[in-house]
C-alpha atoms as a PDB file:
ATOM      1  CA  MET A   1      -1.975  11.615  -0.566  1.00  0.00           C
ATOM      2  CA  ASP A   2      -2.899   8.228  -1.953  1.00  0.00           C
ATOM      3  CA  LEU A   3      -3.854   4.876  -0.516  1.00  0.00           C
ATOM      4  CA  LEU A   4      -4.514   1.490  -2.036  1.00  0.00           C
ATOM      5  CA  VAL A   5      -7.570  -0.154  -0.538  1.00  0.00           C
ATOM      6  CA  SER A   6      -8.374  -3.802  -1.123  1.00  0.00           C
ATOM      7  CA  TYR A   7     -11.991  -4.818  -1.114  1.00  0.00           C
ATOM      8  CA  SER A   8     -13.898  -8.043  -1.500  1.00  0.00           C
ATOM      9  CA  TRP A   9     -14.132  -8.995  -5.165  1.00  0.00           C
ATOM     10  CA  SER A  10     -17.093  -7.459  -6.974  1.00  0.00           C
ATOM     11  CA  HIS A  11     -17.957  -5.337  -3.924  1.00  0.00           C
ATOM     12  CA  PHE A  12     -16.513  -1.995  -5.049  1.00  0.00           C
ATOM     13  CA  TYR A  13     -19.873  -0.261  -4.804  1.00  0.00           C
ATOM     14  CA  LEU A  14     -20.183  -1.376  -1.174  1.00  0.00           C
ATOM     15  CA  ALA A  15     -16.555  -0.601  -0.316  1.00  0.00           C
ATOM     16  CA  ARG A  16     -16.547   2.919  -1.789  1.00  0.00           C
ATOM     17  CA  PRO A  17     -19.102   4.415   0.655  1.00  0.00           C
ATOM     18  CA  GLU A  18     -17.340   2.624   3.515  1.00  0.00           C
ATOM     19  CA  ILE A  19     -14.048   4.294   2.507  1.00  0.00           C
ATOM     20  CA  THR A  20     -15.555   7.750   2.006  1.00  0.00           C
ATOM     21  CA  ARG A  21     -17.465   7.519   5.308  1.00  0.00           C
ATOM     22  CA  ALA A  22     -14.255   6.706   7.177  1.00  0.00           C
ATOM     23  CA  LEU A  23     -12.343   9.540   5.503  1.00  0.00           C
ATOM     24  CA  GLU A  24     -15.179  11.983   6.218  1.00  0.00           C
ATOM     25  CA  ARG A  25     -14.966  10.999   9.904  1.00  0.00           C
ATOM     26  CA  PHE A  26     -11.221  11.630   9.765  1.00  0.00           C
ATOM     27  CA  GLY A  27     -11.726  15.094   8.254  1.00  0.00           C
ATOM     28  CA  ASP A  28     -11.706  14.708   4.457  1.00  0.00           C
ATOM     29  CA  PRO A  29     -15.173  15.248   2.948  1.00  0.00           C
ATOM     30  CA  ASP A  30     -13.758  15.375  -0.590  1.00  0.00           C
ATOM     31  CA  SER A  31     -11.822  12.131  -0.992  1.00  0.00           C
ATOM     32  CA  LEU A  32     -11.926  10.383  -4.347  1.00  0.00           C
ATOM     33  CA  VAL A  33     -12.180   6.593  -4.596  1.00  0.00           C
ATOM     34  CA  GLU A  34     -11.355   5.139  -8.001  1.00  0.00           C
ATOM     35  CA  LYS A  35     -11.945   1.612  -9.174  1.00  0.00           C
ATOM     36  CA  THR A  36      -8.869   0.212 -10.916  1.00  0.00           C
ATOM     37  CA  ASP A  37      -8.694  -2.290 -13.752  1.00  0.00           C
ATOM     38  CA  VAL A  38      -7.639  -4.831 -11.136  1.00  0.00           C
ATOM     39  CA  MET A  39     -10.553  -6.501  -9.388  1.00  0.00           C
ATOM     40  CA  GLY A  40     -10.440  -5.882  -5.650  1.00  0.00           C
ATOM     41  CA  ILE A  41      -8.136  -2.815  -5.650  1.00  0.00           C
ATOM     42  CA  ALA A  42      -9.195   0.832  -5.365  1.00  0.00           C
ATOM     43  CA  VAL A  43      -7.011   3.928  -5.416  1.00  0.00           C
ATOM     44  CA  VAL A  44      -8.013   6.526  -2.865  1.00  0.00           C
ATOM     45  CA  HIS A  45      -6.961  10.164  -3.165  1.00  0.00           C
ATOM     46  CA  THR A  46      -7.237  12.098   0.093  1.00  0.00           C
ATOM     47  CA  SER A  47      -6.037  15.404   1.459  1.00  0.00           C
ATOM     48  CA  LEU A  48      -5.113  13.638   4.703  1.00  0.00           C
ATOM     49  CA  ASP A  49      -1.723  12.210   5.626  1.00  0.00           C
ATOM     50  CA  ASN A  50      -1.954   8.589   4.510  1.00  0.00           C
ATOM     51  CA  ARG A  51      -0.058   7.262   7.552  1.00  0.00           C
ATOM     52  CA  GLU A  52      -2.420   9.136   9.850  1.00  0.00           C
ATOM     53  CA  VAL A  53      -5.348   7.550   8.013  1.00  0.00           C
ATOM     54  CA  ILE A  54      -3.914   4.108   8.814  1.00  0.00           C
ATOM     55  CA  LYS A  55      -3.624   5.007  12.529  1.00  0.00           C
ATOM     56  CA  ARG A  56      -7.172   6.325  12.557  1.00  0.00           C
ATOM     57  CA  CYS A  57      -8.465   3.182  10.817  1.00  0.00           C
ATOM     58  CA  ARG A  58      -7.008   1.100  13.645  1.00  0.00           C
ATOM     59  CA  VAL A  59      -8.674   3.287  16.276  1.00  0.00           C
ATOM     60  CA  LEU A  60     -11.991   3.191  14.410  1.00  0.00           C
ATOM     61  CA  ARG A  61     -11.780  -0.592  14.038  1.00  0.00           C
ATOM     62  CA  GLU A  62     -11.159  -0.992  17.772  1.00  0.00           C
ATOM     63  CA  GLY A  63     -14.124   1.241  18.624  1.00  0.00           C
ATOM     64  CA  GLU A  64     -16.592  -0.153  16.097  1.00  0.00           C
ATOM     65  CA  PRO A  65     -15.296  -3.579  15.082  1.00  0.00           C
ATOM     66  CA  LEU A  66     -18.438  -4.854  13.380  1.00  0.00           C
ATOM     67  CA  ASP A  67     -19.534  -1.847  11.362  1.00  0.00           C
ATOM     68  CA  SER A  68     -16.497   0.029  10.092  1.00  0.00           C
ATOM     69  CA  PHE A  69     -14.692  -2.248   7.664  1.00  0.00           C
ATOM     70  CA  GLU A  70     -16.869  -4.932   6.184  1.00  0.00           C
ATOM     71  CA  PHE A  71     -15.783  -4.457   2.561  1.00  0.00           C
ATOM     72  CA  ALA A  72     -12.723  -2.141   2.618  1.00  0.00           C
ATOM     73  CA  ILE A  73     -10.470  -4.696   4.226  1.00  0.00           C
ATOM     74  CA  LYS A  74      -6.858  -3.595   3.643  1.00  0.00           C
ATOM     75  CA  TRP A  75      -5.424  -0.064   3.446  1.00  0.00           C
ATOM     76  CA  VAL A  76      -1.844   0.688   2.320  1.00  0.00           C
ATOM     77  CA  PRO A  77      -0.213   4.135   1.928  1.00  0.00           C
ATOM     78  CA  VAL A  78       1.356   5.055  -1.411  1.00  0.00           C
ATOM     79  CA  ASP A  79       4.467   7.266  -1.503  1.00  0.00           C
ATOM     80  CA  TYR A  80       5.291   7.142  -5.216  1.00  0.00           C
ATOM     81  CA  TRP A  81       3.785   6.156  -8.547  1.00  0.00           C
ATOM     82  CA  CYS A  82       5.618   5.152 -11.716  1.00  0.00           C
ATOM     83  CA  VAL A  83       4.951   3.297 -14.932  1.00  0.00           C
ATOM     84  CA  THR A  84       5.123  -0.459 -14.691  1.00  0.00           C
ATOM     85  CA  ASP A  85       8.621  -0.995 -15.980  1.00  0.00           C
ATOM     86  CA  LEU A  86      11.386  -2.686 -14.011  1.00  0.00           C
ATOM     87  CA  ASN A  87      13.900   0.081 -14.667  1.00  0.00           C
ATOM     88  CA  ALA A  88      11.414   2.807 -13.695  1.00  0.00           C
ATOM     89  CA  ILE A  89      10.515   0.991 -10.470  1.00  0.00           C
ATOM     90  CA  LYS A  90      14.193   0.472  -9.627  1.00  0.00           C
ATOM     91  CA  GLN A  91      14.918   4.145 -10.235  1.00  0.00           C
ATOM     92  CA  VAL A  92      12.186   5.183  -7.758  1.00  0.00           C
ATOM     93  CA  ILE A  93      13.568   2.767  -5.168  1.00  0.00           C
ATOM     94  CA  ASP A  94      17.173   3.837  -5.719  1.00  0.00           C
ATOM     95  CA  SER A  95      16.373   7.572  -5.782  1.00  0.00           C
ATOM     96  CA  ASN A  96      13.675   7.864  -3.112  1.00  0.00           C
ATOM     97  CA  ILE A  97      13.484   4.791  -0.907  1.00  0.00           C
ATOM     98  CA  ARG A  98      16.837   3.058  -0.465  1.00  0.00           C
ATOM     99  CA  GLU A  99      18.529   5.800   1.584  1.00  0.00           C
ATOM    100  CA  ARG A 100      15.506   6.140   3.884  1.00  0.00           C
ATOM    101  CA  ILE A 101      16.258   2.678   5.301  1.00  0.00           C
ATOM    102  CA  GLY A 102      18.577   3.321   8.230  1.00  0.00           C
ATOM    103  CA  LYS A 103      21.939   1.584   8.352  1.00  0.00           C
ATOM    104  CA  ASP A 104      20.876  -0.175  11.563  1.00  0.00           C
ATOM    105  CA  GLN A 105      17.418  -1.126  10.271  1.00  0.00           C
ATOM    106  CA  THR A 106      16.327  -4.409   8.732  1.00  0.00           C
ATOM    107  CA  TRP A 107      14.083  -4.482   5.733  1.00  0.00           C
ATOM    108  CA  GLY A 108      12.006  -6.727   3.529  1.00  0.00           C
ATOM    109  CA  MET A 109      10.279  -6.322   0.195  1.00  0.00           C
ATOM    110  CA  LYS A 110       6.680  -7.138  -0.675  1.00  0.00           C
ATOM    111  CA  VAL A 111       5.841  -7.316  -4.363  1.00  0.00           C
ATOM    112  CA  HIS A 112       2.241  -7.660  -5.484  1.00  0.00           C
ATOM    113  CA  LYS A 113       1.885  -7.946  -9.221  1.00  0.00           C
ATOM    114  CA  ARG A 114      -1.427  -7.855 -10.933  1.00  0.00           C
ATOM    115  CA  ARG A 115      -1.897  -7.842 -14.688  1.00  0.00           C
ATOM    116  CA  TRP A 116       1.859  -8.033 -15.240  1.00  0.00           C
ATOM    117  CA  GLN A 117       3.100 -11.483 -16.138  1.00  0.00           C
ATOM    118  CA  ARG A 118       6.349 -10.413 -17.745  1.00  0.00           C
ATOM    119  CA  TYR A 119       8.530 -11.540 -14.802  1.00  0.00           C
ATOM    120  CA  HIS A 120       8.277 -13.951 -11.915  1.00  0.00           C
ATOM    121  CA  THR A 121       8.028 -12.269  -8.526  1.00  0.00           C
ATOM    122  CA  ILE A 122      11.433 -13.578  -7.430  1.00  0.00           C
ATOM    123  CA  GLU A 123      13.069 -12.057 -10.537  1.00  0.00           C
ATOM    124  CA  ILE A 124      11.493  -8.705  -9.708  1.00  0.00           C
ATOM    125  CA  ILE A 125      12.665  -8.821  -6.093  1.00  0.00           C
ATOM    126  CA  GLU A 126      16.222  -9.837  -7.032  1.00  0.00           C
ATOM    127  CA  TYR A 127      16.511  -6.971  -9.512  1.00  0.00           C
ATOM    128  CA  LEU A 128      14.921  -4.298  -7.320  1.00  0.00           C
ATOM    129  CA  ALA A 129      16.722  -5.304  -4.120  1.00  0.00           C
ATOM    130  CA  ALA A 130      20.222  -5.550  -5.605  1.00  0.00           C
ATOM    131  CA  ASP A 131      21.357  -2.066  -4.522  1.00  0.00           C
ATOM    132  CA  ILE A 132      19.828  -2.002  -1.035  1.00  0.00           C
ATOM    133  CA  GLU A 133      22.795  -2.749   1.198  1.00  0.00           C
ATOM    134  CA  ARG A 134      21.006  -3.289   4.479  1.00  0.00           C
ATOM    135  CA  LYS A 135      20.292  -6.403   6.510  1.00  0.00           C
ATOM    136  CA  VAL A 136      17.237  -8.310   5.266  1.00  0.00           C
ATOM    137  CA  ASP A 137      14.669  -9.699   7.694  1.00  0.00           C
ATOM    138  CA  LEU A 138      11.680 -11.234   5.955  1.00  0.00           C
ATOM    139  CA  SER A 139       9.847 -12.200   9.163  1.00  0.00           C
ATOM    140  CA  HIS A 140       9.977  -8.983  11.214  1.00  0.00           C
ATOM    141  CA  PRO A 141      11.573  -6.167   9.208  1.00  0.00           C
ATOM    142  CA  ASP A 142      11.852  -2.628  10.550  1.00  0.00           C
ATOM    143  CA  ARG A 143      10.906  -1.308   7.117  1.00  0.00           C
ATOM    144  CA  ILE A 144       9.007  -2.773   4.166  1.00  0.00           C
ATOM    145  CA  VAL A 145       9.650  -1.756   0.577  1.00  0.00           C
ATOM    146  CA  TRP A 146       6.127  -2.113  -0.832  1.00  0.00           C
ATOM    147  CA  VAL A 147       5.754  -2.584  -4.593  1.00  0.00           C
ATOM    148  CA  ASP A 148       2.214  -2.942  -5.916  1.00  0.00           C
ATOM    149  CA  VAL A 149       1.846  -3.400  -9.672  1.00  0.00           C
ATOM    150  CA  ILE A 150      -1.622  -2.409 -10.824  1.00  0.00           C
ATOM    151  CA  GLY A 151      -1.623  -2.880 -14.554  1.00  0.00           C
ATOM    152  CA  SER A 152       0.323  -0.106 -16.277  1.00  0.00           C
ATOM    153  CA  GLN A 153       1.015   1.802 -13.020  1.00  0.00           C
ATOM    154  CA  THR A 154       3.027   0.786  -9.973  1.00  0.00           C
ATOM    155  CA  ALA A 155       2.559   2.101  -6.446  1.00  0.00           C
ATOM    156  CA  LEU A 156       5.573   2.173  -4.129  1.00  0.00           C
ATOM    157  CA  ALA A 157       6.047   2.938  -0.451  1.00  0.00           C
ATOM    158  CA  LEU A 158       8.528   2.545   2.356  1.00  0.00           C
ATOM    159  CA  LEU A 159       6.489   1.400   5.324  1.00  0.00           C
ATOM    160  CA  LYS A 160       6.801   0.401   8.918  1.00  0.00           C
ATOM    161  CA  PRO A 161       4.841  -2.814   9.555  1.00  0.00           C
ATOM    162  CA  GLU A 162       2.215  -0.916  11.568  1.00  0.00           C
ATOM    163  CA  GLU A 163       1.579   1.418   8.618  1.00  0.00           C
ATOM    164  CA  ILE A 164      -0.527  -1.239   6.895  1.00  0.00           C
ATOM    165  CA  PHE A 165      -4.101  -1.648   8.071  1.00  0.00           C
ATOM    166  CA  SER A 166      -5.782  -4.984   7.469  1.00  0.00           C
ATOM    167  CA  VAL A 167      -9.004  -6.185   9.029  1.00  0.00           C
ATOM    168  CA  GLY A 168      -7.368  -9.557   9.663  1.00  0.00           C
ATOM    169  CA  MET A 169      -4.300  -8.087  11.442  1.00  0.00           C
ATOM    170  CA  PRO A 170      -4.108  -6.748  15.001  1.00  0.00           C
END
């Protein structure tokens, strides 16, 4: 399973051992951490369940707050990858994500676009969200449709708010 991990700019070579050390502690001695073309973003391939990794990061952070996450500061699970094209992204959302938002659940969308200036973020959200017929709550959604454009590839996930680990968040 994949994760996106944000790290302090120009600190990839300090973040990578931090990431691999954490994943080794969690039971994956063979994870692969790849630097992307986008400064501050790494793609992590692990054999572990990416949501379980997020839970374990929280526990590790609580137990060792000063040593565990100095450079690898935000971890986000990835459910799907597609080419960076609005129609391709919409197809992934419509085919794999939309129906997983319960009829009684609220949702919000987070779009992070890097190295893709073709559209304004609001245009992207309006287009991608058009077919999701559920109540929107941007402050405290039950589910988050996560869209992370990383150059020519886009990572997507349907997340609960607690399925994002950030050093700055409780």
